[in-house]
Amino acid sequence: MGIVHSYIRYSSKRQKKGSSERRQLENGDKWIKREGHVLTKEYLDSGVSGLRGRNKHVGALSKFLEHIATGRVKPNEILLVEA
């Protein structure tokens, strides 16, 4: 059993109106249950581009990286990303 942190991201308003967030959450939940893991936290970057790495400096991914640096996220915990 592993501890999972789920990272949901999409870049555009069009994607927010669509099913991007719901799809990522549902598929992530299925994987977590199938593999017998436990979800501890969800990180959501709505409208934050990942193309040039902006999400590394702004938003939820930057918070996740901070949690690694400060020890809140422990070694061997899992970051679940759709693609």
PDB file of N, CA and C in Angstrom:
ATOM      1  N   MET A   1       0.851  -1.186   0.000  1.00  0.00           N
ATOM      2  CA  MET A   1       0.000   0.000   0.000  1.00  0.00           C
ATOM      3  C   MET A   1       0.888   1.238   0.000  1.00  0.00           C
ATOM      4  N   GLY A   2       0.592   2.151  -0.904  1.00  0.00           N
ATOM      5  CA  GLY A   2       1.363   3.377  -0.987  1.00  0.00           C
ATOM      6  C   GLY A   2       0.519   4.606  -0.697  1.00  0.00           C
ATOM      7  N   ILE A   3       1.191   5.660  -0.312  1.00  0.00           N
ATOM      8  CA  ILE A   3       0.549   6.951  -0.087  1.00  0.00           C
ATOM      9  C   ILE A   3       0.601   7.714  -1.411  1.00  0.00           C
ATOM     10  N   VAL A   4      -0.549   8.207  -1.861  1.00  0.00           N
ATOM     11  CA  VAL A   4      -0.654   8.856  -3.166  1.00  0.00           C
ATOM     12  C   VAL A   4      -1.057  10.317  -3.012  1.00  0.00           C
ATOM     13  N   HIS A   5      -0.381  11.156  -3.777  1.00  0.00           N
ATOM     14  CA  HIS A   5      -0.735  12.561  -3.943  1.00  0.00           C
ATOM     15  C   HIS A   5      -1.177  12.687  -5.398  1.00  0.00           C
ATOM     16  N   SER A   6      -2.369  13.170  -5.621  1.00  0.00           N
ATOM     17  CA  SER A   6      -2.908  13.277  -6.976  1.00  0.00           C
ATOM     18  C   SER A   6      -2.695  14.695  -7.502  1.00  0.00           C
ATOM     19  N   TYR A   7      -2.154  14.790  -8.728  1.00  0.00           N
ATOM     20  CA  TYR A   7      -1.939  16.090  -9.360  1.00  0.00           C
ATOM     21  C   TYR A   7      -2.837  16.199 -10.585  1.00  0.00           C
ATOM     22  N   ILE A   8      -3.770  17.140 -10.538  1.00  0.00           N
ATOM     23  CA  ILE A   8      -4.717  17.398 -11.628  1.00  0.00           C
ATOM     24  C   ILE A   8      -4.338  18.736 -12.243  1.00  0.00           C
ATOM     25  N   ARG A   9      -4.181  18.750 -13.589  1.00  0.00           N
ATOM     26  CA  ARG A   9      -3.825  19.999 -14.250  1.00  0.00           C
ATOM     27  C   ARG A   9      -4.477  20.075 -15.617  1.00  0.00           C
ATOM     28  N   TYR A  10      -4.940  21.261 -15.926  1.00  0.00           N
ATOM     29  CA  TYR A  10      -5.371  21.585 -17.282  1.00  0.00           C
ATOM     30  C   TYR A  10      -5.117  23.058 -17.497  1.00  0.00           C
ATOM     31  N   SER A  11      -4.910  23.456 -18.759  1.00  0.00           N
ATOM     32  CA  SER A  11      -4.430  24.803 -19.020  1.00  0.00           C
ATOM     33  C   SER A  11      -5.461  25.821 -19.453  1.00  0.00           C
ATOM     34  N   SER A  12      -6.583  25.389 -19.976  1.00  0.00           N
ATOM     35  CA  SER A  12      -7.474  26.383 -20.596  1.00  0.00           C
ATOM     36  C   SER A  12      -8.851  26.425 -19.944  1.00  0.00           C
ATOM     37  N   LYS A  13      -9.523  27.544 -20.171  1.00  0.00           N
ATOM     38  CA  LYS A  13     -10.899  27.700 -19.687  1.00  0.00           C
ATOM     39  C   LYS A  13     -11.813  26.695 -20.365  1.00  0.00           C
ATOM     40  N   ARG A  14     -11.526  26.399 -21.629  1.00  0.00           N
ATOM     41  CA  ARG A  14     -12.327  25.423 -22.375  1.00  0.00           C
ATOM     42  C   ARG A  14     -12.249  24.051 -21.693  1.00  0.00           C
ATOM     43  N   GLN A  15     -11.073  23.681 -21.252  1.00  0.00           N
ATOM     44  CA  GLN A  15     -10.905  22.400 -20.572  1.00  0.00           C
ATOM     45  C   GLN A  15     -11.630  22.397 -19.223  1.00  0.00           C
ATOM     46  N   LYS A  16     -11.669  23.543 -18.549  1.00  0.00           N
ATOM     47  CA  LYS A  16     -12.363  23.638 -17.261  1.00  0.00           C
ATOM     48  C   LYS A  16     -13.861  23.402 -17.443  1.00  0.00           C
ATOM     49  N   LYS A  17     -14.404  23.903 -18.554  1.00  0.00           N
ATOM     50  CA  LYS A  17     -15.829  23.709 -18.821  1.00  0.00           C
ATOM     51  C   LYS A  17     -16.131  22.281 -19.244  1.00  0.00           C
ATOM     52  N   GLY A  18     -15.126  21.578 -19.728  1.00  0.00           N
ATOM     53  CA  GLY A  18     -15.309  20.213 -20.193  1.00  0.00           C
ATOM     54  C   GLY A  18     -15.169  19.204 -19.068  1.00  0.00           C
ATOM     55  N   SER A  19     -14.666  18.047 -19.423  1.00  0.00           N
ATOM     56  CA  SER A  19     -14.617  16.944 -18.460  1.00  0.00           C
ATOM     57  C   SER A  19     -13.201  16.640 -17.973  1.00  0.00           C
ATOM     58  N   SER A  20     -12.246  17.512 -18.249  1.00  0.00           N
ATOM     59  CA  SER A  20     -10.849  17.230 -17.924  1.00  0.00           C
ATOM     60  C   SER A  20     -10.637  16.932 -16.438  1.00  0.00           C
ATOM     61  N   GLU A  21     -11.128  17.790 -15.585  1.00  0.00           N
ATOM     62  CA  GLU A  21     -10.925  17.587 -14.145  1.00  0.00           C
ATOM     63  C   GLU A  21     -11.646  16.330 -13.667  1.00  0.00           C
ATOM     64  N   ARG A  22     -12.894  16.180 -14.047  1.00  0.00           N
ATOM     65  CA  ARG A  22     -13.675  15.013 -13.630  1.00  0.00           C
ATOM     66  C   ARG A  22     -13.015  13.714 -14.110  1.00  0.00           C
ATOM     67  N   ARG A  23     -12.588  13.703 -15.374  1.00  0.00           N
ATOM     68  CA  ARG A  23     -11.958  12.506 -15.935  1.00  0.00           C
ATOM     69  C   ARG A  23     -10.691  12.133 -15.168  1.00  0.00           C
ATOM     70  N   GLN A  24      -9.849  13.129 -14.896  1.00  0.00           N
ATOM     71  CA  GLN A  24      -8.602  12.857 -14.177  1.00  0.00           C
ATOM     72  C   GLN A  24      -8.869  12.348 -12.762  1.00  0.00           C
ATOM     73  N   LEU A  25      -9.852  12.941 -12.088  1.00  0.00           N
ATOM     74  CA  LEU A  25     -10.196  12.498 -10.733  1.00  0.00           C
ATOM     75  C   LEU A  25     -10.732  11.069 -10.738  1.00  0.00           C
ATOM     76  N   GLU A  26     -11.653  10.781 -11.655  1.00  0.00           N
ATOM     77  CA  GLU A  26     -12.255   9.449 -11.715  1.00  0.00           C
ATOM     78  C   GLU A  26     -11.224   8.383 -12.068  1.00  0.00           C
ATOM     79  N   ASN A  27     -10.398   8.654 -13.081  1.00  0.00           N
ATOM     80  CA  ASN A  27      -9.386   7.672 -13.473  1.00  0.00           C
ATOM     81  C   ASN A  27      -8.355   7.469 -12.364  1.00  0.00           C
ATOM     82  N   GLY A  28      -7.996   8.543 -11.694  1.00  0.00           N
ATOM     83  CA  GLY A  28      -7.058   8.434 -10.579  1.00  0.00           C
ATOM     84  C   GLY A  28      -7.627   7.616  -9.437  1.00  0.00           C
ATOM     85  N   ASP A  29      -8.885   7.868  -9.099  1.00  0.00           N
ATOM     86  CA  ASP A  29      -9.539   7.100  -8.029  1.00  0.00           C
ATOM     87  C   ASP A  29      -9.590   5.612  -8.360  1.00  0.00           C
ATOM     88  N   LYS A  30      -9.898   5.290  -9.619  1.00  0.00           N
ATOM     89  CA  LYS A  30      -9.944   3.880 -10.040  1.00  0.00           C
ATOM     90  C   LYS A  30      -8.574   3.229  -9.876  1.00  0.00           C
ATOM     91  N   TRP A  31      -7.531   3.921 -10.312  1.00  0.00           N
ATOM     92  CA  TRP A  31      -6.173   3.371 -10.217  1.00  0.00           C
ATOM     93  C   TRP A  31      -5.768   3.164  -8.760  1.00  0.00           C
ATOM     94  N   ILE A  32      -6.049   4.160  -7.928  1.00  0.00           N
ATOM     95  CA  ILE A  32      -5.701   4.078  -6.505  1.00  0.00           C
ATOM     96  C   ILE A  32      -6.384   2.872  -5.855  1.00  0.00           C
ATOM     97  N   LYS A  33      -7.664   2.693  -6.117  1.00  0.00           N
ATOM     98  CA  LYS A  33      -8.396   1.559  -5.541  1.00  0.00           C
ATOM     99  C   LYS A  33      -7.882   0.233  -6.082  1.00  0.00           C
ATOM    100  N   ARG A  34      -7.663   0.176  -7.407  1.00  0.00           N
ATOM    101  CA  ARG A  34      -7.199  -1.065  -8.034  1.00  0.00           C
ATOM    102  C   ARG A  34      -5.842  -1.502  -7.476  1.00  0.00           C
ATOM    103  N   GLU A  35      -4.954  -0.539  -7.216  1.00  0.00           N
ATOM    104  CA  GLU A  35      -3.603  -0.838  -6.750  1.00  0.00           C
ATOM    105  C   GLU A  35      -3.502  -0.947  -5.228  1.00  0.00           C
ATOM    106  N   GLY A  36      -4.610  -0.623  -4.533  1.00  0.00           N
ATOM    107  CA  GLY A  36      -4.625  -0.751  -3.076  1.00  0.00           C
ATOM    108  C   GLY A  36      -3.889   0.366  -2.344  1.00  0.00           C
ATOM    109  N   HIS A  37      -3.822   1.535  -2.949  1.00  0.00           N
ATOM    110  CA  HIS A  37      -3.140   2.677  -2.340  1.00  0.00           C
ATOM    111  C   HIS A  37      -4.137   3.561  -1.579  1.00  0.00           C
ATOM    112  N   VAL A  38      -3.608   4.575  -0.933  1.00  0.00           N
ATOM    113  CA  VAL A  38      -4.419   5.517  -0.172  1.00  0.00           C
ATOM    114  C   VAL A  38      -4.130   6.928  -0.669  1.00  0.00           C
ATOM    115  N   LEU A  39      -5.187   7.648  -1.027  1.00  0.00           N
ATOM    116  CA  LEU A  39      -5.043   9.043  -1.454  1.00  0.00           C
ATOM    117  C   LEU A  39      -4.942   9.924  -0.225  1.00  0.00           C
ATOM    118  N   THR A  40      -3.895  10.754  -0.185  1.00  0.00           N
ATOM    119  CA  THR A  40      -3.711  11.627   0.962  1.00  0.00           C
ATOM    120  C   THR A  40      -3.999  13.084   0.635  1.00  0.00           C
ATOM    121  N   LYS A  41      -3.697  13.509  -0.606  1.00  0.00           N
ATOM    122  CA  LYS A  41      -3.896  14.913  -0.952  1.00  0.00           C
ATOM    123  C   LYS A  41      -4.062  15.047  -2.453  1.00  0.00           C
ATOM    124  N   GLU A  42      -4.916  16.004  -2.857  1.00  0.00           N
ATOM    125  CA  GLU A  42      -5.072  16.336  -4.270  1.00  0.00           C
ATOM    126  C   GLU A  42      -4.529  17.743  -4.492  1.00  0.00           C
ATOM    127  N   TYR A  43      -3.749  17.879  -5.542  1.00  0.00           N
ATOM    128  CA  TYR A  43      -3.211  19.165  -5.952  1.00  0.00           C
ATOM    129  C   TYR A  43      -3.852  19.509  -7.285  1.00  0.00           C
ATOM    130  N   LEU A  44      -4.441  20.697  -7.403  1.00  0.00           N
ATOM    131  CA  LEU A  44      -5.140  21.099  -8.622  1.00  0.00           C
ATOM    132  C   LEU A  44      -4.548  22.386  -9.173  1.00  0.00           C
ATOM    133  N   ASP A  45      -4.097  22.322 -10.422  1.00  0.00           N
ATOM    134  CA  ASP A  45      -3.667  23.508 -11.159  1.00  0.00           C
ATOM    135  C   ASP A  45      -4.657  23.739 -12.294  1.00  0.00           C
ATOM    136  N   SER A  46      -5.603  24.615 -12.047  1.00  0.00           N
ATOM    137  CA  SER A  46      -6.631  24.949 -13.024  1.00  0.00           C
ATOM    138  C   SER A  46      -6.189  26.179 -13.801  1.00  0.00           C
ATOM    139  N   GLY A  47      -5.957  26.010 -15.096  1.00  0.00           N
ATOM    140  CA  GLY A  47      -5.547  27.126 -15.927  1.00  0.00           C
ATOM    141  C   GLY A  47      -4.083  27.495 -15.797  1.00  0.00           C
ATOM    142  N   VAL A  48      -3.258  26.588 -15.304  1.00  0.00           N
ATOM    143  CA  VAL A  48      -1.815  26.836 -15.172  1.00  0.00           C
ATOM    144  C   VAL A  48      -1.090  25.969 -16.193  1.00  0.00           C
ATOM    145  N   SER A  49      -0.391  26.598 -17.103  1.00  0.00           N
ATOM    146  CA  SER A  49       0.280  25.875 -18.178  1.00  0.00           C
ATOM    147  C   SER A  49       1.462  25.059 -17.668  1.00  0.00           C
ATOM    148  N   GLY A  50       1.619  23.883 -18.249  1.00  0.00           N
ATOM    149  CA  GLY A  50       2.773  23.053 -17.956  1.00  0.00           C
ATOM    150  C   GLY A  50       3.763  23.043 -19.112  1.00  0.00           C
ATOM    151  N   LEU A  51       3.415  23.702 -20.212  1.00  0.00           N
ATOM    152  CA  LEU A  51       4.227  23.655 -21.426  1.00  0.00           C
ATOM    153  C   LEU A  51       5.654  24.126 -21.206  1.00  0.00           C
ATOM    154  N   ARG A  52       5.829  25.252 -20.583  1.00  0.00           N
ATOM    155  CA  ARG A  52       7.161  25.807 -20.350  1.00  0.00           C
ATOM    156  C   ARG A  52       7.581  25.728 -18.878  1.00  0.00           C
ATOM    157  N   GLY A  53       6.846  24.935 -18.092  1.00  0.00           N
ATOM    158  CA  GLY A  53       7.224  24.720 -16.704  1.00  0.00           C
ATOM    159  C   GLY A  53       6.706  25.763 -15.734  1.00  0.00           C
ATOM    160  N   ARG A  54       5.754  26.600 -16.163  1.00  0.00           N
ATOM    161  CA  ARG A  54       5.198  27.612 -15.262  1.00  0.00           C
ATOM    162  C   ARG A  54       4.622  26.972 -14.000  1.00  0.00           C
ATOM    163  N   ASN A  55       4.023  25.793 -14.158  1.00  0.00           N
ATOM    164  CA  ASN A  55       3.402  25.129 -13.016  1.00  0.00           C
ATOM    165  C   ASN A  55       4.416  24.705 -11.953  1.00  0.00           C
ATOM    166  N   LYS A  56       5.697  24.678 -12.316  1.00  0.00           N
ATOM    167  CA  LYS A  56       6.744  24.352 -11.330  1.00  0.00           C
ATOM    168  C   LYS A  56       6.975  25.527 -10.368  1.00  0.00           C
ATOM    169  N   HIS A  57       6.618  26.727 -10.802  1.00  0.00           N
ATOM    170  CA  HIS A  57       6.882  27.930 -10.013  1.00  0.00           C
ATOM    171  C   HIS A  57       5.618  28.570  -9.439  1.00  0.00           C
ATOM    172  N   VAL A  58       4.467  28.245 -10.004  1.00  0.00           N
ATOM    173  CA  VAL A  58       3.201  28.860  -9.598  1.00  0.00           C
ATOM    174  C   VAL A  58       2.160  27.764  -9.396  1.00  0.00           C
ATOM    175  N   GLY A  59       1.407  27.836  -8.339  1.00  0.00           N
ATOM    176  CA  GLY A  59       0.290  26.922  -8.171  1.00  0.00           C
ATOM    177  C   GLY A  59       0.597  25.671  -7.375  1.00  0.00           C
ATOM    178  N   ALA A  60      -0.222  24.655  -7.628  1.00  0.00           N
ATOM    179  CA  ALA A  60      -0.214  23.450  -6.802  1.00  0.00           C
ATOM    180  C   ALA A  60       1.050  22.612  -6.957  1.00  0.00           C
ATOM    181  N   LEU A  61       1.600  22.517  -8.164  1.00  0.00           N
ATOM    182  CA  LEU A  61       2.819  21.726  -8.317  1.00  0.00           C
ATOM    183  C   LEU A  61       3.962  22.347  -7.531  1.00  0.00           C
ATOM    184  N   SER A  62       4.040  23.669  -7.531  1.00  0.00           N
ATOM    185  CA  SER A  62       5.095  24.318  -6.734  1.00  0.00           C
ATOM    186  C   SER A  62       4.898  24.021  -5.248  1.00  0.00           C
ATOM    187  N   LYS A  63       3.655  23.936  -4.813  1.00  0.00           N
ATOM    188  CA  LYS A  63       3.355  23.591  -3.412  1.00  0.00           C
ATOM    189  C   LYS A  63       3.779  22.146  -3.118  1.00  0.00           C
ATOM    190  N   PHE A  64       3.531  21.239  -4.055  1.00  0.00           N
ATOM    191  CA  PHE A  64       3.961  19.853  -3.881  1.00  0.00           C
ATOM    192  C   PHE A  64       5.482  19.777  -3.747  1.00  0.00           C
ATOM    193  N   LEU A  65       6.204  20.499  -4.604  1.00  0.00           N
ATOM    194  CA  LEU A  65       7.664  20.508  -4.541  1.00  0.00           C
ATOM    195  C   LEU A  65       8.155  21.082  -3.213  1.00  0.00           C
ATOM    196  N   GLU A  66       7.456  22.102  -2.721  1.00  0.00           N
ATOM    197  CA  GLU A  66       7.786  22.667  -1.406  1.00  0.00           C
ATOM    198  C   GLU A  66       7.574  21.625  -0.312  1.00  0.00           C
ATOM    199  N   HIS A  67       6.491  20.842  -0.423  1.00  0.00           N
ATOM    200  CA  HIS A  67       6.208  19.809   0.568  1.00  0.00           C
ATOM    201  C   HIS A  67       7.282  18.726   0.559  1.00  0.00           C
ATOM    202  N   ILE A  68       7.857  18.448  -0.593  1.00  0.00           N
ATOM    203  CA  ILE A  68       8.982  17.504  -0.648  1.00  0.00           C
ATOM    204  C   ILE A  68      10.174  18.099   0.093  1.00  0.00           C
ATOM    205  N   ALA A  69      10.491  19.357  -0.218  1.00  0.00           N
ATOM    206  CA  ALA A  69      11.664  20.020   0.373  1.00  0.00           C
ATOM    207  C   ALA A  69      11.564  20.126   1.894  1.00  0.00           C
ATOM    208  N   THR A  70      10.345  20.305   2.398  1.00  0.00           N
ATOM    209  CA  THR A  70      10.168  20.474   3.839  1.00  0.00           C
ATOM    210  C   THR A  70       9.887  19.162   4.569  1.00  0.00           C
ATOM    211  N   GLY A  71       9.804  18.057   3.825  1.00  0.00           N
ATOM    212  CA  GLY A  71       9.599  16.763   4.448  1.00  0.00           C
ATOM    213  C   GLY A  71       8.154  16.366   4.672  1.00  0.00           C
ATOM    214  N   ARG A  72       7.207  17.206   4.253  1.00  0.00           N
ATOM    215  CA  ARG A  72       5.795  16.824   4.402  1.00  0.00           C
ATOM    216  C   ARG A  72       5.440  15.667   3.472  1.00  0.00           C
ATOM    217  N   VAL A  73       6.105  15.610   2.309  1.00  0.00           N
ATOM    218  CA  VAL A  73       5.981  14.459   1.416  1.00  0.00           C
ATOM    219  C   VAL A  73       7.229  13.610   1.649  1.00  0.00           C
ATOM    220  N   LYS A  74       7.010  12.375   1.994  1.00  0.00           N
ATOM    221  CA  LYS A  74       8.102  11.474   2.366  1.00  0.00           C
ATOM    222  C   LYS A  74       8.606  10.681   1.152  1.00  0.00           C
ATOM    223  N   PRO A  75       9.848  10.184   1.247  1.00  0.00           N
ATOM    224  CA  PRO A  75      10.362   9.306   0.184  1.00  0.00           C
ATOM    225  C   PRO A  75       9.418   8.121  -0.042  1.00  0.00           C
ATOM    226  N   ASN A  76       9.312   7.707  -1.280  1.00  0.00           N
ATOM    227  CA  ASN A  76       8.489   6.570  -1.720  1.00  0.00           C
ATOM    228  C   ASN A  76       6.998   6.863  -1.780  1.00  0.00           C
ATOM    229  N   GLU A  77       6.564   8.079  -1.439  1.00  0.00           N
ATOM    230  CA  GLU A  77       5.186   8.431  -1.692  1.00  0.00           C
ATOM    231  C   GLU A  77       5.027   8.680  -3.197  1.00  0.00           C
ATOM    232  N   ILE A  78       3.815   8.544  -3.676  1.00  0.00           N
ATOM    233  CA  ILE A  78       3.549   8.555  -5.116  1.00  0.00           C
ATOM    234  C   ILE A  78       2.865   9.852  -5.525  1.00  0.00           C
ATOM    235  N   LEU A  79       3.344  10.437  -6.627  1.00  0.00           N
ATOM    236  CA  LEU A  79       2.632  11.550  -7.269  1.00  0.00           C
ATOM    237  C   LEU A  79       1.929  10.972  -8.485  1.00  0.00           C
ATOM    238  N   LEU A  80       0.606  10.988  -8.471  1.00  0.00           N
ATOM    239  CA  LEU A  80      -0.197  10.441  -9.560  1.00  0.00           C
ATOM    240  C   LEU A  80      -0.536  11.549 -10.550  1.00  0.00           C
ATOM    241  N   VAL A  81      -0.109  11.366 -11.798  1.00  0.00           N
ATOM    242  CA  VAL A  81      -0.345  12.328 -12.871  1.00  0.00           C
ATOM    243  C   VAL A  81      -0.927  11.565 -14.042  1.00  0.00           C
ATOM    244  N   GLU A  82      -1.954  12.144 -14.677  1.00  0.00           N
ATOM    245  CA  GLU A  82      -2.612  11.434 -15.780  1.00  0.00           C
ATOM    246  C   GLU A  82      -1.659  11.146 -16.941  1.00  0.00           C
ATOM    247  N   ALA A  83      -0.959  12.136 -17.422  1.00  0.00           N
ATOM    248  CA  ALA A  83      -0.062  11.925 -18.574  1.00  0.00           C
ATOM    249  C   ALA A  83       1.055  12.945 -18.545  1.00  0.00           C
TER     250      ALA A  83
END
